[in-house]
Amino acid sequence: MAFTEQRVFGLGLHGEMVQRGVAQLTVNFSDHKPRLCGPDEAVLRRVIGVEIFEYLISRALSEIGAERSERQELQANRSLIRARLRLLQQHGPGLGSMLGEAPADASQQARLEAELLDNERQLETMGGGEAVMEGELEMNH
């Protein structure tokens, strides 16, 4: 069980007078953990097994969710980098040269290509959705 202490200002009684702005300490309890006990050892072992199983399932689901959101973020970043790179490559001599704009810097294009390669490497190490499903199916066999 966890508790937090917080200092607040509230009402206080001094003699027969009620005062405002009196410093007080509030304590909140959270993260309650029930104790497992029972008269029958077999039932108790079953309850503990179910608790452990539910804990492991919740951990696995949270890890899957975190990995899924990270993969989606990497895919969105990859799309943005590709779009920026495409715009940079298409800009070329076009209208910008007539308006006196400098052509796109080669170092900027190289930086975007490096970012794209890094992003794709990260996605590769993470594995695609198909690779994850195949891995899960292999574990079940």
N, C-alpha and C. Protein backbone atom coordinates (compact mmCIF):
# COMPACT_ATOMS: atom_id res chain seq x y z
N MET A 1 0.84 -1.16 0.00
CA MET A 1 0.00 0.00 0.00
C MET A 1 0.90 1.24 0.00
N ALA A 2 0.50 2.21 -0.78
CA ALA A 2 1.27 3.45 -0.86
C ALA A 2 0.44 4.59 -0.27
N PHE A 3 1.14 5.55 0.28
CA PHE A 3 0.43 6.73 0.78
C PHE A 3 1.19 7.98 0.38
N THR A 4 0.42 9.06 0.22
CA THR A 4 1.02 10.35 -0.11
C THR A 4 0.56 11.37 0.92
N GLU A 5 1.49 12.22 1.30
CA GLU A 5 1.18 13.30 2.23
C GLU A 5 1.15 14.60 1.44
N GLN A 6 0.18 15.45 1.79
CA GLN A 6 0.06 16.72 1.11
C GLN A 6 -0.30 17.79 2.13
N ARG A 7 0.39 18.90 2.06
CA ARG A 7 0.09 20.03 2.95
C ARG A 7 -0.90 20.94 2.25
N VAL A 8 -2.00 21.23 2.96
CA VAL A 8 -3.06 22.08 2.42
C VAL A 8 -3.46 23.10 3.48
N PHE A 9 -4.25 24.06 3.06
CA PHE A 9 -4.82 25.03 3.99
C PHE A 9 -6.31 24.77 4.07
N GLY A 10 -6.81 24.70 5.30
CA GLY A 10 -8.22 24.42 5.51
C GLY A 10 -8.75 25.17 6.71
N LEU A 11 -9.86 24.69 7.24
CA LEU A 11 -10.48 25.30 8.40
C LEU A 11 -9.96 24.64 9.67
N GLY A 12 -9.84 25.43 10.72
CA GLY A 12 -9.39 24.91 12.00
C GLY A 12 -10.18 25.56 13.13
N LEU A 13 -10.35 24.84 14.21
CA LEU A 13 -11.09 25.35 15.36
C LEU A 13 -10.09 25.68 16.46
N HIS A 14 -10.02 26.96 16.83
CA HIS A 14 -9.16 27.42 17.91
C HIS A 14 -10.07 28.00 18.99
N GLY A 15 -10.21 27.22 20.05
CA GLY A 15 -11.16 27.64 21.09
C GLY A 15 -12.57 27.49 20.53
N GLU A 16 -13.29 28.60 20.50
CA GLU A 16 -14.64 28.58 19.93
C GLU A 16 -14.68 29.28 18.57
N MET A 17 -13.52 29.64 18.04
CA MET A 17 -13.46 30.38 16.77
C MET A 17 -13.00 29.44 15.65
N VAL A 18 -13.65 29.56 14.50
CA VAL A 18 -13.25 28.82 13.31
C VAL A 18 -12.35 29.72 12.49
N GLN A 19 -11.17 29.22 12.17
CA GLN A 19 -10.22 30.01 11.39
C GLN A 19 -10.01 29.38 10.02
N ARG A 20 -9.84 30.25 9.04
CA ARG A 20 -9.53 29.78 7.69
C ARG A 20 -8.02 29.85 7.49
N GLY A 21 -7.52 29.10 6.51
CA GLY A 21 -6.11 29.16 6.17
C GLY A 21 -5.20 28.49 7.17
N VAL A 22 -5.71 27.52 7.89
CA VAL A 22 -4.90 26.79 8.86
C VAL A 22 -4.18 25.66 8.11
N ALA A 23 -2.87 25.57 8.30
CA ALA A 23 -2.08 24.53 7.64
C ALA A 23 -2.48 23.16 8.17
N GLN A 24 -2.75 22.25 7.24
CA GLN A 24 -3.15 20.90 7.61
C GLN A 24 -2.38 19.89 6.76
N LEU A 25 -2.33 18.69 7.24
CA LEU A 25 -1.66 17.61 6.52
C LEU A 25 -2.72 16.58 6.15
N THR A 26 -2.85 16.30 4.83
CA THR A 26 -3.78 15.25 4.40
C THR A 26 -2.96 14.05 3.95
N VAL A 27 -3.48 12.88 4.22
CA VAL A 27 -2.81 11.64 3.85
C VAL A 27 -3.78 10.84 3.00
N ASN A 28 -3.31 10.40 1.82
CA ASN A 28 -4.12 9.58 0.91
C ASN A 28 -3.46 8.22 0.76
N PHE A 29 -4.26 7.19 0.83
CA PHE A 29 -3.77 5.83 0.66
C PHE A 29 -4.22 5.31 -0.70
N SER A 30 -3.31 4.64 -1.40
CA SER A 30 -3.63 4.09 -2.72
C SER A 30 -2.89 2.78 -2.92
N ASP A 31 -3.14 2.18 -4.06
CA ASP A 31 -2.48 0.93 -4.44
C ASP A 31 -2.68 -0.15 -3.37
N HIS A 32 -3.95 -0.35 -3.03
CA HIS A 32 -4.28 -1.34 -2.01
C HIS A 32 -4.01 -2.75 -2.54
N LYS A 33 -3.39 -3.55 -1.75
CA LYS A 33 -3.07 -4.93 -2.12
C LYS A 33 -3.79 -5.86 -1.14
N PRO A 34 -4.73 -6.64 -1.65
CA PRO A 34 -5.42 -7.56 -0.75
C PRO A 34 -4.50 -8.71 -0.35
N ARG A 35 -4.62 -9.13 0.86
CA ARG A 35 -3.87 -10.29 1.34
C ARG A 35 -4.70 -11.53 1.02
N LEU A 36 -4.02 -12.56 0.57
CA LEU A 36 -4.71 -13.79 0.22
C LEU A 36 -4.61 -14.77 1.38
N CYS A 37 -5.74 -15.21 1.82
CA CYS A 37 -5.76 -16.23 2.87
C CYS A 37 -7.03 -17.05 2.70
N GLY A 38 -6.99 -18.23 3.20
CA GLY A 38 -8.15 -19.09 3.09
C GLY A 38 -7.96 -20.35 3.91
N PRO A 39 -9.06 -21.04 4.19
CA PRO A 39 -8.98 -22.24 5.03
C PRO A 39 -8.45 -23.46 4.29
N ASP A 40 -8.57 -23.47 2.95
CA ASP A 40 -8.20 -24.64 2.17
C ASP A 40 -6.99 -24.31 1.30
N GLU A 41 -5.92 -25.11 1.41
CA GLU A 41 -4.69 -24.83 0.66
C GLU A 41 -4.90 -24.95 -0.84
N ALA A 42 -5.69 -25.90 -1.29
CA ALA A 42 -5.91 -26.09 -2.72
C ALA A 42 -6.61 -24.88 -3.34
N VAL A 43 -7.61 -24.36 -2.64
CA VAL A 43 -8.32 -23.18 -3.13
C VAL A 43 -7.38 -21.98 -3.14
N LEU A 44 -6.58 -21.86 -2.10
CA LEU A 44 -5.64 -20.75 -2.01
C LEU A 44 -4.60 -20.81 -3.14
N ARG A 45 -4.11 -22.00 -3.43
CA ARG A 45 -3.16 -22.15 -4.54
C ARG A 45 -3.81 -21.77 -5.87
N ARG A 46 -5.05 -22.15 -6.04
CA ARG A 46 -5.79 -21.80 -7.27
C ARG A 46 -5.95 -20.29 -7.39
N VAL A 47 -6.31 -19.63 -6.31
CA VAL A 47 -6.48 -18.17 -6.31
C VAL A 47 -5.15 -17.48 -6.63
N ILE A 48 -4.08 -17.95 -6.02
CA ILE A 48 -2.76 -17.36 -6.28
C ILE A 48 -2.37 -17.57 -7.75
N GLY A 49 -2.64 -18.75 -8.28
CA GLY A 49 -2.34 -19.03 -9.69
C GLY A 49 -3.11 -18.10 -10.63
N VAL A 50 -4.39 -17.88 -10.32
CA VAL A 50 -5.20 -16.98 -11.14
C VAL A 50 -4.66 -15.55 -11.05
N GLU A 51 -4.28 -15.12 -9.86
CA GLU A 51 -3.72 -13.77 -9.68
C GLU A 51 -2.43 -13.60 -10.49
N ILE A 52 -1.56 -14.60 -10.44
CA ILE A 52 -0.31 -14.54 -11.19
C ILE A 52 -0.58 -14.50 -12.68
N PHE A 53 -1.51 -15.34 -13.13
CA PHE A 53 -1.86 -15.38 -14.55
C PHE A 53 -2.40 -14.04 -15.02
N GLU A 54 -3.31 -13.45 -14.25
CA GLU A 54 -3.88 -12.15 -14.62
C GLU A 54 -2.81 -11.06 -14.64
N TYR A 55 -1.87 -11.13 -13.71
CA TYR A 55 -0.78 -10.15 -13.68
C TYR A 55 0.08 -10.27 -14.94
N LEU A 56 0.44 -11.51 -15.29
CA LEU A 56 1.27 -11.73 -16.48
C LEU A 56 0.55 -11.29 -17.75
N ILE A 57 -0.75 -11.57 -17.83
CA ILE A 57 -1.53 -11.14 -19.00
C ILE A 57 -1.56 -9.63 -19.09
N SER A 58 -1.77 -8.95 -17.98
CA SER A 58 -1.82 -7.48 -18.02
C SER A 58 -0.47 -6.89 -18.41
N ARG A 59 0.62 -7.46 -17.93
CA ARG A 59 1.96 -6.99 -18.32
C ARG A 59 2.19 -7.20 -19.82
N ALA A 60 1.81 -8.37 -20.32
CA ALA A 60 2.00 -8.66 -21.74
C ALA A 60 1.18 -7.70 -22.61
N LEU A 61 -0.07 -7.45 -22.20
CA LEU A 61 -0.91 -6.54 -22.98
C LEU A 61 -0.37 -5.12 -22.96
N SER A 62 0.17 -4.68 -21.84
CA SER A 62 0.72 -3.33 -21.79
C SER A 62 1.97 -3.22 -22.66
N GLU A 63 2.80 -4.27 -22.67
CA GLU A 63 3.99 -4.26 -23.53
C GLU A 63 3.61 -4.28 -25.01
N ILE A 64 2.60 -5.07 -25.35
CA ILE A 64 2.13 -5.12 -26.74
C ILE A 64 1.59 -3.75 -27.15
N GLY A 65 0.83 -3.11 -26.27
CA GLY A 65 0.29 -1.79 -26.58
C GLY A 65 1.39 -0.75 -26.76
N ALA A 66 2.41 -0.80 -25.90
CA ALA A 66 3.51 0.16 -26.02
C ALA A 66 4.28 -0.06 -27.32
N GLU A 67 4.52 -1.31 -27.67
CA GLU A 67 5.24 -1.60 -28.91
C GLU A 67 4.41 -1.19 -30.12
N ARG A 68 3.12 -1.42 -30.06
CA ARG A 68 2.25 -1.04 -31.17
C ARG A 68 2.25 0.47 -31.37
N SER A 69 2.16 1.23 -30.29
CA SER A 69 2.16 2.69 -30.43
C SER A 69 3.52 3.20 -30.92
N GLU A 70 4.61 2.57 -30.47
CA GLU A 70 5.94 2.96 -30.95
C GLU A 70 6.08 2.67 -32.45
N ARG A 71 5.56 1.51 -32.88
CA ARG A 71 5.61 1.16 -34.29
C ARG A 71 4.80 2.16 -35.13
N GLN A 72 3.61 2.54 -34.63
CA GLN A 72 2.79 3.50 -35.36
C GLN A 72 3.48 4.86 -35.45
N GLU A 73 4.15 5.26 -34.38
CA GLU A 73 4.87 6.53 -34.39
C GLU A 73 6.02 6.49 -35.40
N LEU A 74 6.75 5.38 -35.43
CA LEU A 74 7.85 5.24 -36.39
C LEU A 74 7.32 5.26 -37.83
N GLN A 75 6.18 4.61 -38.07
CA GLN A 75 5.62 4.60 -39.42
C GLN A 75 5.15 6.00 -39.83
N ALA A 76 4.56 6.74 -38.89
CA ALA A 76 4.14 8.11 -39.20
C ALA A 76 5.35 8.99 -39.50
N ASN A 77 6.42 8.84 -38.70
CA ASN A 77 7.64 9.60 -38.95
C ASN A 77 8.25 9.25 -40.31
N ARG A 78 8.20 7.97 -40.65
CA ARG A 78 8.74 7.54 -41.95
C ARG A 78 7.96 8.20 -43.08
N SER A 79 6.64 8.26 -42.96
CA SER A 79 5.83 8.91 -43.99
C SER A 79 6.17 10.39 -44.12
N LEU A 80 6.36 11.05 -43.00
CA LEU A 80 6.71 12.48 -43.03
C LEU A 80 8.08 12.70 -43.67
N ILE A 81 9.04 11.87 -43.30
CA ILE A 81 10.39 12.01 -43.86
C ILE A 81 10.36 11.77 -45.37
N ARG A 82 9.62 10.75 -45.80
CA ARG A 82 9.51 10.47 -47.24
C ARG A 82 8.87 11.64 -47.98
N ALA A 83 7.83 12.24 -47.39
CA ALA A 83 7.17 13.38 -48.03
C ALA A 83 8.12 14.57 -48.13
N ARG A 84 8.86 14.84 -47.07
CA ARG A 84 9.82 15.96 -47.11
C ARG A 84 10.91 15.71 -48.14
N LEU A 85 11.39 14.48 -48.20
CA LEU A 85 12.43 14.13 -49.16
C LEU A 85 11.90 14.26 -50.59
N ARG A 86 10.67 13.81 -50.81
CA ARG A 86 10.06 13.90 -52.14
C ARG A 86 9.90 15.36 -52.56
N LEU A 87 9.44 16.20 -51.63
CA LEU A 87 9.31 17.63 -51.94
C LEU A 87 10.66 18.26 -52.24
N LEU A 88 11.65 17.88 -51.49
CA LEU A 88 12.99 18.43 -51.69
C LEU A 88 13.55 18.02 -53.05
N GLN A 89 13.31 16.77 -53.44
CA GLN A 89 13.81 16.28 -54.73
C GLN A 89 13.03 16.89 -55.90
N GLN A 90 11.73 17.12 -55.72
CA GLN A 90 10.90 17.66 -56.79
C GLN A 90 11.10 19.16 -56.97
N HIS A 91 11.58 19.83 -55.95
CA HIS A 91 11.72 21.28 -56.00
C HIS A 91 12.64 21.67 -57.16
N GLY A 92 13.79 21.04 -57.25
CA GLY A 92 14.72 21.23 -58.36
C GLY A 92 14.86 22.67 -58.80
N PRO A 93 15.11 22.88 -60.10
CA PRO A 93 15.31 24.24 -60.59
C PRO A 93 14.01 25.02 -60.66
N GLY A 94 12.88 24.41 -60.92
CA GLY A 94 11.54 24.97 -60.98
C GLY A 94 11.37 26.47 -60.79
N LEU A 95 10.30 26.86 -60.16
CA LEU A 95 9.92 28.26 -59.97
C LEU A 95 10.83 28.96 -58.98
N GLY A 96 11.41 28.23 -58.06
CA GLY A 96 12.28 28.83 -57.05
C GLY A 96 13.47 29.54 -57.68
N SER A 97 14.02 28.97 -58.74
CA SER A 97 15.17 29.60 -59.38
C SER A 97 14.78 30.91 -60.05
N MET A 98 13.55 31.01 -60.54
CA MET A 98 13.09 32.26 -61.15
C MET A 98 12.88 33.34 -60.09
N LEU A 99 12.49 32.93 -58.89
CA LEU A 99 12.24 33.88 -57.82
C LEU A 99 13.49 34.19 -57.02
N GLY A 100 14.58 33.60 -57.38
CA GLY A 100 15.85 33.90 -56.72
C GLY A 100 16.13 33.05 -55.49
N GLU A 101 15.34 32.00 -55.28
CA GLU A 101 15.60 31.12 -54.14
C GLU A 101 16.78 30.21 -54.45
N ALA A 102 17.53 29.92 -53.43
CA ALA A 102 18.66 29.01 -53.60
C ALA A 102 18.14 27.59 -53.77
N PRO A 103 18.80 26.79 -54.60
CA PRO A 103 18.36 25.40 -54.74
C PRO A 103 18.55 24.65 -53.42
N ALA A 104 17.84 23.54 -53.32
CA ALA A 104 17.87 22.75 -52.09
C ALA A 104 19.30 22.31 -51.78
N ASP A 105 19.64 22.39 -50.54
CA ASP A 105 20.98 22.03 -50.09
C ASP A 105 21.14 20.51 -50.14
N ALA A 106 22.24 20.05 -50.70
CA ALA A 106 22.50 18.61 -50.80
C ALA A 106 22.67 17.99 -49.42
N SER A 107 23.19 18.76 -48.47
CA SER A 107 23.36 18.21 -47.12
C SER A 107 22.01 17.95 -46.45
N GLN A 108 21.02 18.80 -46.77
CA GLN A 108 19.68 18.60 -46.21
C GLN A 108 19.08 17.31 -46.76
N GLN A 109 19.27 17.07 -48.05
CA GLN A 109 18.76 15.84 -48.65
C GLN A 109 19.48 14.63 -48.05
N ALA A 110 20.77 14.72 -47.86
CA ALA A 110 21.53 13.61 -47.27
C ALA A 110 21.08 13.36 -45.83
N ARG A 111 20.79 14.43 -45.09
CA ARG A 111 20.32 14.27 -43.71
C ARG A 111 18.97 13.56 -43.67
N LEU A 112 18.06 13.96 -44.59
CA LEU A 112 16.75 13.31 -44.64
C LEU A 112 16.88 11.84 -45.03
N GLU A 113 17.77 11.54 -45.96
CA GLU A 113 17.97 10.14 -46.35
C GLU A 113 18.54 9.33 -45.19
N ALA A 114 19.43 9.93 -44.41
CA ALA A 114 19.99 9.24 -43.24
C ALA A 114 18.90 9.01 -42.19
N GLU A 115 18.04 10.01 -41.99
CA GLU A 115 16.92 9.85 -41.05
C GLU A 115 16.00 8.73 -41.49
N LEU A 116 15.73 8.67 -42.80
CA LEU A 116 14.86 7.63 -43.34
C LEU A 116 15.48 6.25 -43.13
N LEU A 117 16.77 6.12 -43.38
CA LEU A 117 17.45 4.83 -43.17
C LEU A 117 17.41 4.43 -41.69
N ASP A 118 17.64 5.39 -40.81
CA ASP A 118 17.61 5.11 -39.38
C ASP A 118 16.22 4.66 -38.95
N ASN A 119 15.20 5.35 -39.46
CA ASN A 119 13.82 5.01 -39.14
C ASN A 119 13.49 3.60 -39.62
N GLU A 120 13.89 3.27 -40.85
CA GLU A 120 13.61 1.94 -41.39
C GLU A 120 14.37 0.86 -40.62
N ARG A 121 15.58 1.17 -40.15
CA ARG A 121 16.33 0.22 -39.33
C ARG A 121 15.60 -0.05 -38.01
N GLN A 122 15.09 1.01 -37.42
CA GLN A 122 14.36 0.83 -36.16
C GLN A 122 13.11 -0.01 -36.37
N LEU A 123 12.40 0.24 -37.47
CA LEU A 123 11.22 -0.57 -37.77
C LEU A 123 11.59 -2.02 -38.03
N GLU A 124 12.72 -2.25 -38.70
CA GLU A 124 13.19 -3.61 -38.96
C GLU A 124 13.49 -4.36 -37.67
N THR A 125 14.21 -3.69 -36.76
CA THR A 125 14.56 -4.36 -35.50
C THR A 125 13.32 -4.63 -34.67
N MET A 126 12.32 -3.77 -34.80
CA MET A 126 11.08 -3.97 -34.06
C MET A 126 10.27 -5.10 -34.67
N GLY A 127 10.39 -5.30 -35.96
CA GLY A 127 9.62 -6.34 -36.64
C GLY A 127 8.27 -5.80 -37.05
N GLY A 128 7.81 -6.24 -38.20
CA GLY A 128 6.51 -5.79 -38.69
C GLY A 128 5.39 -6.53 -37.99
N GLY A 129 4.18 -6.15 -38.28
CA GLY A 129 3.02 -6.80 -37.69
C GLY A 129 2.97 -8.28 -38.02
N GLU A 130 3.36 -8.62 -39.26
CA GLU A 130 3.35 -10.02 -39.67
C GLU A 130 4.37 -10.83 -38.88
N ALA A 131 5.55 -10.24 -38.68
CA ALA A 131 6.60 -10.94 -37.93
C ALA A 131 6.17 -11.19 -36.49
N VAL A 132 5.47 -10.23 -35.92
CA VAL A 132 4.99 -10.39 -34.54
C VAL A 132 3.98 -11.52 -34.46
N MET A 133 3.04 -11.55 -35.42
CA MET A 133 2.03 -12.60 -35.43
C MET A 133 2.67 -13.97 -35.65
N GLU A 134 3.64 -14.06 -36.56
CA GLU A 134 4.32 -15.33 -36.80
C GLU A 134 5.05 -15.79 -35.54
N GLY A 135 5.69 -14.87 -34.85
CA GLY A 135 6.39 -15.22 -33.62
C GLY A 135 5.44 -15.74 -32.56
N GLU A 136 4.26 -15.10 -32.45
CA GLU A 136 3.28 -15.55 -31.47
C GLU A 136 2.75 -16.93 -31.83
N LEU A 137 2.52 -17.18 -33.12
CA LEU A 137 2.02 -18.48 -33.54
C LEU A 137 3.06 -19.57 -33.32
N GLU A 138 4.35 -19.25 -33.56
CA GLU A 138 5.41 -20.23 -33.34
C GLU A 138 5.53 -20.59 -31.87
N MET A 139 5.29 -19.64 -30.99
CA MET A 139 5.39 -19.91 -29.55
C MET A 139 4.28 -20.84 -29.09
N ASN A 140 3.13 -20.81 -29.77
CA ASN A 140 2.00 -21.64 -29.37
C ASN A 140 2.15 -23.08 -29.84
N HIS A 141 3.03 -23.34 -30.81
CA HIS A 141 3.18 -24.71 -31.33
C HIS A 141 4.21 -25.47 -30.58
